[in-house]
Amino acid sequence: MALPLALIIIIFVSAVIVLLLNTLLRKKSTLQIGLLGIEMGIFGLFLTSQFQLNSW
C-alpha cells in the first residue's frame, strides 16, 4: 500500500515542479529539459529503492 501512495505523491510533486518551471521560464529552454531529466532520474531511483526495500 505504501508504493501507490508514494507514486501519487511523487507524481504530484513533479507536476507542481513542472508548472513552476513553466511559469518561471515562460519559454522552452535547455534548462527546463535538463531539470525534467533530473526529475525523471530521481523518480527512477526512488522506484528502484522501493522495489529493493519491498524485496519481493
Protein backbone atom coordinates (compact mmCIF):
# COMPACT_ATOMS: atom_id res chain seq x y z
CA MET A 1 0.00 0.00 0.00
CA ALA A 2 2.97 2.29 0.52
CA LEU A 3 4.15 2.17 -3.08
CA PRO A 4 0.99 3.56 -4.78
CA LEU A 5 0.76 6.35 -2.18
CA ALA A 6 4.41 7.24 -2.77
CA LEU A 7 3.85 7.18 -6.54
CA ILE A 8 0.91 9.57 -6.21
CA ILE A 9 2.98 11.93 -4.03
CA ILE A 10 5.95 11.91 -6.42
CA ILE A 11 3.77 12.44 -9.49
CA PHE A 12 2.03 15.35 -7.75
CA VAL A 13 5.34 16.94 -6.72
CA SER A 14 6.75 16.50 -10.23
CA ALA A 15 3.65 18.12 -11.75
CA VAL A 16 3.96 21.08 -9.36
CA ILE A 17 7.65 21.48 -10.23
CA VAL A 18 6.86 21.40 -13.97
CA LEU A 19 4.14 24.03 -13.52
CA LEU A 20 6.54 26.23 -11.53
CA LEU A 21 9.18 25.87 -14.25
CA ASN A 22 6.65 26.80 -16.93
CA THR A 23 5.56 29.93 -15.07
CA LEU A 24 9.12 30.97 -14.19
CA LEU A 25 10.73 30.42 -17.57
CA ARG A 26 7.74 31.02 -19.88
CA LYS A 27 9.78 29.60 -22.76
CA LYS A 28 11.29 26.35 -23.91
CA SER A 29 14.90 26.12 -22.84
CA THR A 30 17.58 23.51 -22.27
CA LEU A 31 17.45 24.29 -18.54
CA GLN A 32 13.83 23.14 -18.33
CA ILE A 33 14.59 19.96 -20.27
CA GLY A 34 17.58 19.26 -18.02
CA LEU A 35 15.54 19.73 -14.85
CA LEU A 36 12.84 17.40 -16.20
CA GLY A 37 15.55 14.82 -16.88
CA ILE A 38 16.80 15.17 -13.31
CA GLU A 39 13.24 14.70 -12.03
CA MET A 40 12.85 11.51 -14.07
CA GLY A 41 16.19 10.27 -12.72
CA ILE A 42 15.11 10.87 -9.12
CA PHE A 43 11.80 9.14 -9.89
CA GLY A 44 13.64 6.10 -11.28
CA LEU A 45 15.99 5.94 -8.29
CA PHE A 46 13.02 6.11 -5.92
CA LEU A 47 11.25 3.28 -7.75
CA THR A 48 14.32 1.03 -7.63
CA SER A 49 14.89 1.74 -3.94
CA GLN A 50 11.23 0.98 -3.15
CA PHE A 51 11.38 -2.33 -5.00
CA GLN A 52 14.59 -3.27 -3.18
CA LEU A 53 13.07 -2.39 0.21
CA ASN A 54 9.98 -4.50 -0.50
CA SER A 55 12.27 -7.38 -1.59
CA TRP A 56 9.54 -9.34 -3.31
